[in-house]
Amino acid sequence: MSQINNELKKEFQIERMILFTDAVFAIAITLLIIEIKPPHIHEGMNANQMLNQLMELVPLFIGFIISFFVIAIYWRSHHRLFSFIKDYDDKLIWLNFFFLFTIILMPFSSAYYSEQTIYSLPFYFYCANVAATGLLNYALLSYIIKHRGRVSEGFEDLKVRQLARWRTLVVPSIFIIGAILNFCLPRENHLNMLSRFSPMLIWPAIMILNRYFGKKKELEFVHKPSTKRKK
């Protein structure tokens, strides 16, 4: 009976960690749009003037869309990772906290970059934020894989582990590449501005990885959670 109570308590504590994480993601993704202030319409303004006001917000909406899907990718990754969790320890909790720190910072870094797109430093700051999120996500994955059997179940297949690791590195790698290209190319070069659109490479990169490792392995990674968590 005592063992059953301990198992239920452990399940409850893991659920608390997941619910807290989901709340942080929900707040961060909501704050993205709150950072975009609607233009104030003055009396006597015509439609063209109102349209110009909206056009001035285009960079902010581009930043919002990119950050929205970046956060969505990380939530999906976290959701899949924690479906393998069967136990927890202090290191897992703190790794999760550091990961969430970078998530909750993203509305600020996104607004900072979106409002100053002509400058490089805000872009570097934003890229550093996303890259840090990705690397901490990788640290979470590595810890879960390393301690499978103790804190997690699954990831027994080598290709499944390889696919999981490479997919986790896609987003930070692409943002780091974008920052490097922006730094190395002259500002007069049109390719310099194209470096700001490097996030568009995320989805093709993930598709290439899925094809390389095989769709079967991807499905095994997604649909093979801990048997205990299924109950």
C-alpha atoms as a PDB file:
ATOM      1  CA  MET A   1       0.000   0.000   0.000  1.00  0.00           C
ATOM      2  CA  SER A   2       2.851   2.340   0.893  1.00  0.00           C
ATOM      3  CA  GLN A   3       4.498   1.661  -2.477  1.00  0.00           C
ATOM      4  CA  ILE A   4       1.246   2.484  -4.295  1.00  0.00           C
ATOM      5  CA  ASN A   5       0.964   5.763  -2.377  1.00  0.00           C
ATOM      6  CA  ASN A   6       4.563   6.637  -3.253  1.00  0.00           C
ATOM      7  CA  GLU A   7       3.914   5.925  -6.923  1.00  0.00           C
ATOM      8  CA  LEU A   8       0.790   8.082  -6.898  1.00  0.00           C
ATOM      9  CA  LYS A   9       2.666  10.883  -5.146  1.00  0.00           C
ATOM     10  CA  LYS A  10       5.457  10.655  -7.724  1.00  0.00           C
ATOM     11  CA  GLU A  11       2.923  10.825 -10.571  1.00  0.00           C
ATOM     12  CA  PHE A  12       1.284  13.835  -8.948  1.00  0.00           C
ATOM     13  CA  GLN A  13       4.627  15.664  -8.600  1.00  0.00           C
ATOM     14  CA  ILE A  14       5.503  14.991 -12.236  1.00  0.00           C
ATOM     15  CA  GLU A  15       2.075  16.285 -13.290  1.00  0.00           C
ATOM     16  CA  ARG A  16       2.704  19.444 -11.238  1.00  0.00           C
ATOM     17  CA  MET A  17       5.960  20.029 -13.097  1.00  0.00           C
ATOM     18  CA  ILE A  18       4.240  19.555 -16.462  1.00  0.00           C
ATOM     19  CA  LEU A  19       1.312  21.824 -15.542  1.00  0.00           C
ATOM     20  CA  PHE A  20       3.674  24.540 -14.320  1.00  0.00           C
ATOM     21  CA  THR A  21       5.662  24.266 -17.544  1.00  0.00           C
ATOM     22  CA  ASP A  22       2.508  24.482 -19.664  1.00  0.00           C
ATOM     23  CA  ALA A  23       1.453  27.609 -17.753  1.00  0.00           C
ATOM     24  CA  VAL A  24       4.803  29.286 -18.469  1.00  0.00           C
ATOM     25  CA  PHE A  25       4.502  28.426 -22.172  1.00  0.00           C
ATOM     26  CA  ALA A  26       0.945  29.791 -22.252  1.00  0.00           C
ATOM     27  CA  ILE A  27       2.013  33.049 -20.599  1.00  0.00           C
ATOM     28  CA  ALA A  28       5.022  33.484 -22.906  1.00  0.00           C
ATOM     29  CA  ILE A  29       3.060  32.847 -26.081  1.00  0.00           C
ATOM     30  CA  THR A  30       0.341  35.267 -24.929  1.00  0.00           C
ATOM     31  CA  LEU A  31       2.825  37.998 -24.049  1.00  0.00           C
ATOM     32  CA  LEU A  32       4.066  37.937 -27.654  1.00  0.00           C
ATOM     33  CA  ILE A  33       0.901  39.597 -28.940  1.00  0.00           C
ATOM     34  CA  ILE A  34       0.539  41.877 -25.904  1.00  0.00           C
ATOM     35  CA  GLU A  35       3.838  43.480 -26.919  1.00  0.00           C
ATOM     36  CA  ILE A  36       2.165  44.710 -30.141  1.00  0.00           C
ATOM     37  CA  LYS A  37       0.188  47.832 -29.299  1.00  0.00           C
ATOM     38  CA  PRO A  38      -2.728  48.671 -31.625  1.00  0.00           C
ATOM     39  CA  PRO A  39      -2.325  52.038 -33.391  1.00  0.00           C
ATOM     40  CA  HIS A  40      -4.335  54.947 -32.070  1.00  0.00           C
ATOM     41  CA  ILE A  41      -6.800  56.326 -34.618  1.00  0.00           C
ATOM     42  CA  HIS A  42      -7.223  60.086 -34.459  1.00  0.00           C
ATOM     43  CA  GLU A  43     -10.390  61.833 -35.478  1.00  0.00           C
ATOM     44  CA  GLY A  44     -10.355  62.783 -39.136  1.00  0.00           C
ATOM     45  CA  MET A  45      -7.870  60.108 -40.242  1.00  0.00           C
ATOM     46  CA  ASN A  46      -8.582  58.549 -43.633  1.00  0.00           C
ATOM     47  CA  ALA A  47      -8.235  54.898 -44.682  1.00  0.00           C
ATOM     48  CA  ASN A  48      -4.763  55.384 -46.209  1.00  0.00           C
ATOM     49  CA  GLN A  49      -3.427  56.845 -42.981  1.00  0.00           C
ATOM     50  CA  MET A  50      -4.900  53.968 -41.002  1.00  0.00           C
ATOM     51  CA  LEU A  51      -3.360  51.494 -43.456  1.00  0.00           C
ATOM     52  CA  ASN A  52       0.038  53.176 -43.068  1.00  0.00           C
ATOM     53  CA  GLN A  53      -0.268  52.749 -39.314  1.00  0.00           C
ATOM     54  CA  LEU A  54      -0.853  49.020 -39.805  1.00  0.00           C
ATOM     55  CA  MET A  55       2.025  48.737 -42.286  1.00  0.00           C
ATOM     56  CA  GLU A  56       4.370  50.136 -39.631  1.00  0.00           C
ATOM     57  CA  LEU A  57       3.442  47.133 -37.485  1.00  0.00           C
ATOM     58  CA  VAL A  58       4.449  44.564 -40.140  1.00  0.00           C
ATOM     59  CA  PRO A  59       7.948  43.945 -38.645  1.00  0.00           C
ATOM     60  CA  LEU A  60       6.349  43.405 -35.234  1.00  0.00           C
ATOM     61  CA  PHE A  61       3.885  40.891 -36.658  1.00  0.00           C
ATOM     62  CA  ILE A  62       6.672  39.045 -38.490  1.00  0.00           C
ATOM     63  CA  GLY A  63       8.577  38.788 -35.201  1.00  0.00           C
ATOM     64  CA  PHE A  64       5.383  37.645 -33.470  1.00  0.00           C
ATOM     65  CA  ILE A  65       4.713  34.918 -36.048  1.00  0.00           C
ATOM     66  CA  ILE A  66       8.298  33.598 -35.944  1.00  0.00           C
ATOM     67  CA  SER A  67       8.401  33.582 -32.137  1.00  0.00           C
ATOM     68  CA  PHE A  68       4.933  32.030 -31.897  1.00  0.00           C
ATOM     69  CA  PHE A  69       5.972  29.031 -33.973  1.00  0.00           C
ATOM     70  CA  VAL A  70       9.384  28.770 -32.303  1.00  0.00           C
ATOM     71  CA  ILE A  71       7.689  28.569 -28.885  1.00  0.00           C
ATOM     72  CA  ALA A  72       5.158  26.110 -30.346  1.00  0.00           C
ATOM     73  CA  ILE A  73       8.007  23.886 -31.565  1.00  0.00           C
ATOM     74  CA  TYR A  74       9.614  23.923 -28.126  1.00  0.00           C
ATOM     75  CA  TRP A  75       6.312  23.158 -26.387  1.00  0.00           C
ATOM     76  CA  ARG A  76       5.750  20.211 -28.715  1.00  0.00           C
ATOM     77  CA  SER A  77       9.282  18.968 -28.041  1.00  0.00           C
ATOM     78  CA  HIS A  78       8.845  19.340 -24.272  1.00  0.00           C
ATOM     79  CA  HIS A  79       5.455  17.598 -24.452  1.00  0.00           C
ATOM     80  CA  ARG A  80       7.010  14.613 -26.217  1.00  0.00           C
ATOM     81  CA  LEU A  81      10.037  14.491 -23.909  1.00  0.00           C
ATOM     82  CA  PHE A  82       8.008  14.445 -20.714  1.00  0.00           C
ATOM     83  CA  SER A  83       5.777  11.660 -22.019  1.00  0.00           C
ATOM     84  CA  PHE A  84       8.817   9.441 -21.355  1.00  0.00           C
ATOM     85  CA  ILE A  85       9.332  10.640 -17.779  1.00  0.00           C
ATOM     86  CA  LYS A  86       8.592   8.156 -14.994  1.00  0.00           C
ATOM     87  CA  ASP A  87      10.553   9.811 -12.164  1.00  0.00           C
ATOM     88  CA  TYR A  88      12.326  13.082 -11.393  1.00  0.00           C
ATOM     89  CA  ASP A  89      15.232  14.497  -9.409  1.00  0.00           C
ATOM     90  CA  ASP A  90      16.604  17.933  -8.546  1.00  0.00           C
ATOM     91  CA  LYS A  91      18.771  18.139 -11.665  1.00  0.00           C
ATOM     92  CA  LEU A  92      15.810  17.488 -13.962  1.00  0.00           C
ATOM     93  CA  ILE A  93      13.784  20.143 -12.127  1.00  0.00           C
ATOM     94  CA  TRP A  94      16.549  22.764 -12.422  1.00  0.00           C
ATOM     95  CA  LEU A  95      17.229  21.955 -16.066  1.00  0.00           C
ATOM     96  CA  ASN A  96      13.528  22.493 -16.686  1.00  0.00           C
ATOM     97  CA  PHE A  97      13.633  25.814 -14.795  1.00  0.00           C
ATOM     98  CA  PHE A  98      16.596  27.101 -16.819  1.00  0.00           C
ATOM     99  CA  PHE A  99      14.824  26.041 -20.013  1.00  0.00           C
ATOM    100  CA  LEU A 100      11.672  27.919 -18.946  1.00  0.00           C
ATOM    101  CA  PHE A 101      13.747  31.011 -18.140  1.00  0.00           C
ATOM    102  CA  THR A 102      14.715  31.286 -21.805  1.00  0.00           C
ATOM    103  CA  ILE A 103      11.100  30.698 -22.885  1.00  0.00           C
ATOM    104  CA  ILE A 104       9.718  33.495 -20.715  1.00  0.00           C
ATOM    105  CA  LEU A 105      12.491  35.810 -21.982  1.00  0.00           C
ATOM    106  CA  MET A 106      11.395  35.307 -25.586  1.00  0.00           C
ATOM    107  CA  PRO A 107       8.569  37.909 -25.662  1.00  0.00           C
ATOM    108  CA  PHE A 108      11.096  40.559 -24.608  1.00  0.00           C
ATOM    109  CA  SER A 109      13.840  39.515 -27.045  1.00  0.00           C
ATOM    110  CA  SER A 110      11.278  39.184 -29.847  1.00  0.00           C
ATOM    111  CA  ALA A 111       9.887  42.704 -29.228  1.00  0.00           C
ATOM    112  CA  TYR A 112      13.405  44.120 -28.824  1.00  0.00           C
ATOM    113  CA  TYR A 113      14.414  42.735 -32.219  1.00  0.00           C
ATOM    114  CA  SER A 114      11.118  43.411 -34.035  1.00  0.00           C
ATOM    115  CA  GLU A 115      11.121  47.077 -33.044  1.00  0.00           C
ATOM    116  CA  GLN A 116      14.780  47.560 -34.077  1.00  0.00           C
ATOM    117  CA  THR A 117      15.149  45.415 -37.195  1.00  0.00           C
ATOM    118  CA  ILE A 118      17.687  47.730 -38.863  1.00  0.00           C
ATOM    119  CA  TYR A 119      20.214  47.099 -36.087  1.00  0.00           C
ATOM    120  CA  SER A 120      22.274  43.957 -35.655  1.00  0.00           C
ATOM    121  CA  LEU A 121      22.589  43.826 -31.862  1.00  0.00           C
ATOM    122  CA  PRO A 122      18.845  43.177 -31.225  1.00  0.00           C
ATOM    123  CA  PHE A 123      18.994  40.410 -33.837  1.00  0.00           C
ATOM    124  CA  TYR A 124      22.001  38.836 -32.093  1.00  0.00           C
ATOM    125  CA  PHE A 125      20.211  39.076 -28.748  1.00  0.00           C
ATOM    126  CA  TYR A 126      17.136  37.360 -30.169  1.00  0.00           C
ATOM    127  CA  CYS A 127      19.224  34.632 -31.813  1.00  0.00           C
ATOM    128  CA  ALA A 128      21.119  34.083 -28.562  1.00  0.00           C
ATOM    129  CA  ASN A 129      17.821  33.704 -26.690  1.00  0.00           C
ATOM    130  CA  VAL A 130      16.461  31.116 -29.146  1.00  0.00           C
ATOM    131  CA  ALA A 131      19.803  29.289 -29.314  1.00  0.00           C
ATOM    132  CA  ALA A 132      19.991  29.125 -25.498  1.00  0.00           C
ATOM    133  CA  THR A 133      16.465  27.695 -25.424  1.00  0.00           C
ATOM    134  CA  GLY A 134      17.448  25.049 -27.961  1.00  0.00           C
ATOM    135  CA  LEU A 135      20.655  24.092 -26.173  1.00  0.00           C
ATOM    136  CA  LEU A 136      18.861  23.763 -22.833  1.00  0.00           C
ATOM    137  CA  ASN A 137      16.206  21.676 -24.571  1.00  0.00           C
ATOM    138  CA  TYR A 138      19.063  19.493 -25.832  1.00  0.00           C
ATOM    139  CA  ALA A 139      20.433  19.272 -22.272  1.00  0.00           C
ATOM    140  CA  LEU A 140      17.011  18.099 -21.059  1.00  0.00           C
ATOM    141  CA  LEU A 141      16.857  15.481 -23.804  1.00  0.00           C
ATOM    142  CA  SER A 142      20.401  14.276 -23.103  1.00  0.00           C
ATOM    143  CA  TYR A 143      19.681  13.944 -19.393  1.00  0.00           C
ATOM    144  CA  ILE A 144      16.475  11.997 -20.054  1.00  0.00           C
ATOM    145  CA  ILE A 145      18.262   9.677 -22.501  1.00  0.00           C
ATOM    146  CA  LYS A 146      21.304   9.219 -20.248  1.00  0.00           C
ATOM    147  CA  HIS A 147      19.159   8.261 -17.256  1.00  0.00           C
ATOM    148  CA  ARG A 148      16.621   6.093 -19.080  1.00  0.00           C
ATOM    149  CA  GLY A 149      15.522   3.331 -16.778  1.00  0.00           C
ATOM    150  CA  ARG A 150      15.768   5.640 -13.758  1.00  0.00           C
ATOM    151  CA  VAL A 151      13.949   8.864 -14.711  1.00  0.00           C
ATOM    152  CA  SER A 152      12.574   7.804 -18.100  1.00  0.00           C
ATOM    153  CA  GLU A 153      11.494   4.900 -20.269  1.00  0.00           C
ATOM    154  CA  GLY A 154      12.019   4.517 -24.011  1.00  0.00           C
ATOM    155  CA  PHE A 155      14.800   5.709 -26.348  1.00  0.00           C
ATOM    156  CA  GLU A 156      16.148   2.164 -26.542  1.00  0.00           C
ATOM    157  CA  ASP A 157      16.737   2.343 -30.294  1.00  0.00           C
ATOM    158  CA  LEU A 158      19.950   4.082 -31.397  1.00  0.00           C
ATOM    159  CA  LYS A 159      18.345   5.737 -34.436  1.00  0.00           C
ATOM    160  CA  VAL A 160      15.502   7.042 -32.296  1.00  0.00           C
ATOM    161  CA  ARG A 161      18.054   8.695 -29.990  1.00  0.00           C
ATOM    162  CA  GLN A 162      19.990  10.102 -32.952  1.00  0.00           C
ATOM    163  CA  LEU A 163      16.851  11.524 -34.560  1.00  0.00           C
ATOM    164  CA  ALA A 164      15.762  13.086 -31.261  1.00  0.00           C
ATOM    165  CA  ARG A 165      19.173  14.723 -30.723  1.00  0.00           C
ATOM    166  CA  TRP A 166      19.466  16.085 -34.272  1.00  0.00           C
ATOM    167  CA  ARG A 167      15.916  17.433 -34.295  1.00  0.00           C
ATOM    168  CA  THR A 168      16.542  19.195 -30.991  1.00  0.00           C
ATOM    169  CA  LEU A 169      19.599  20.918 -32.467  1.00  0.00           C
ATOM    170  CA  VAL A 170      17.857  22.131 -35.647  1.00  0.00           C
ATOM    171  CA  VAL A 171      16.340  25.352 -34.272  1.00  0.00           C
ATOM    172  CA  PRO A 172      19.368  26.668 -32.322  1.00  0.00           C
ATOM    173  CA  SER A 173      21.718  25.770 -35.193  1.00  0.00           C
ATOM    174  CA  ILE A 174      19.677  27.704 -37.749  1.00  0.00           C
ATOM    175  CA  PHE A 175      19.473  30.808 -35.556  1.00  0.00           C
ATOM    176  CA  ILE A 176      23.218  30.641 -34.858  1.00  0.00           C
ATOM    177  CA  ILE A 177      23.883  30.348 -38.607  1.00  0.00           C
ATOM    178  CA  GLY A 178      21.640  33.378 -39.220  1.00  0.00           C
ATOM    179  CA  ALA A 179      23.570  35.423 -36.636  1.00  0.00           C
ATOM    180  CA  ILE A 180      26.929  34.374 -38.114  1.00  0.00           C
ATOM    181  CA  LEU A 181      25.834  35.276 -41.647  1.00  0.00           C
ATOM    182  CA  ASN A 182      24.562  38.647 -40.445  1.00  0.00           C
ATOM    183  CA  PHE A 183      27.907  39.302 -38.733  1.00  0.00           C
ATOM    184  CA  CYS A 184      30.114  38.170 -41.626  1.00  0.00           C
ATOM    185  CA  LEU A 185      28.277  39.756 -44.564  1.00  0.00           C
ATOM    186  CA  PRO A 186      28.525  43.502 -45.230  1.00  0.00           C
ATOM    187  CA  ARG A 187      25.384  45.460 -44.420  1.00  0.00           C
ATOM    188  CA  GLU A 188      25.247  46.652 -48.040  1.00  0.00           C
ATOM    189  CA  ASN A 189      24.966  43.047 -49.216  1.00  0.00           C
ATOM    190  CA  HIS A 190      21.373  41.889 -49.780  1.00  0.00           C
ATOM    191  CA  LEU A 191      22.310  38.475 -48.344  1.00  0.00           C
ATOM    192  CA  ASN A 192      22.826  40.236 -45.021  1.00  0.00           C
ATOM    193  CA  MET A 193      19.087  40.939 -44.784  1.00  0.00           C
ATOM    194  CA  LEU A 194      18.267  37.431 -46.002  1.00  0.00           C
ATOM    195  CA  SER A 195      20.056  36.093 -42.925  1.00  0.00           C
ATOM    196  CA  ARG A 196      17.130  37.465 -40.888  1.00  0.00           C
ATOM    197  CA  PHE A 197      14.867  34.952 -42.654  1.00  0.00           C
ATOM    198  CA  SER A 198      16.978  31.957 -41.600  1.00  0.00           C
ATOM    199  CA  PRO A 199      14.096  30.596 -39.404  1.00  0.00           C
ATOM    200  CA  MET A 200      12.331  29.635 -42.648  1.00  0.00           C
ATOM    201  CA  LEU A 201      14.897  26.812 -42.928  1.00  0.00           C
ATOM    202  CA  ILE A 202      13.627  25.082 -39.769  1.00  0.00           C
ATOM    203  CA  TRP A 203      10.839  23.082 -41.393  1.00  0.00           C
ATOM    204  CA  PRO A 204      12.829  21.914 -44.454  1.00  0.00           C
ATOM    205  CA  ALA A 205      15.656  20.849 -42.111  1.00  0.00           C
ATOM    206  CA  ILE A 206      13.280  18.791 -39.958  1.00  0.00           C
ATOM    207  CA  MET A 207      11.780  17.179 -43.072  1.00  0.00           C
ATOM    208  CA  ILE A 208      15.263  16.233 -44.306  1.00  0.00           C
ATOM    209  CA  LEU A 209      16.089  14.659 -40.922  1.00  0.00           C
ATOM    210  CA  ASN A 210      12.855  12.679 -40.927  1.00  0.00           C
ATOM    211  CA  ARG A 211      13.617  11.345 -44.399  1.00  0.00           C
ATOM    212  CA  TYR A 212      17.213  10.520 -43.478  1.00  0.00           C
ATOM    213  CA  PHE A 213      16.369   8.573 -40.332  1.00  0.00           C
ATOM    214  CA  GLY A 214      13.153   7.147 -41.704  1.00  0.00           C
ATOM    215  CA  LYS A 215       9.524   7.934 -40.921  1.00  0.00           C
ATOM    216  CA  LYS A 216       9.204   4.739 -38.901  1.00  0.00           C
ATOM    217  CA  LYS A 217      11.799   5.945 -36.409  1.00  0.00           C
ATOM    218  CA  GLU A 218      10.116   9.331 -36.088  1.00  0.00           C
ATOM    219  CA  LEU A 219       6.775   7.672 -35.283  1.00  0.00           C
ATOM    220  CA  GLU A 220       8.456   5.389 -32.760  1.00  0.00           C
ATOM    221  CA  PHE A 221       9.948   8.434 -31.039  1.00  0.00           C
ATOM    222  CA  VAL A 222       6.587  10.184 -30.908  1.00  0.00           C
ATOM    223  CA  HIS A 223       4.343   7.275 -29.934  1.00  0.00           C
ATOM    224  CA  LYS A 224       6.471   5.232 -27.535  1.00  0.00           C
ATOM    225  CA  PRO A 225       5.943   6.910 -24.183  1.00  0.00           C
ATOM    226  CA  SER A 226       6.445   5.362 -20.778  1.00  0.00           C
ATOM    227  CA  THR A 227       4.056   2.460 -20.252  1.00  0.00           C
ATOM    228  CA  LYS A 228       3.368   3.710 -16.746  1.00  0.00           C
ATOM    229  CA  ARG A 229       2.234   7.129 -17.974  1.00  0.00           C
ATOM    230  CA  LYS A 230      -0.296   5.465 -20.260  1.00  0.00           C
ATOM    231  CA  LYS A 231      -2.209   3.984 -17.316  1.00  0.00           C
END
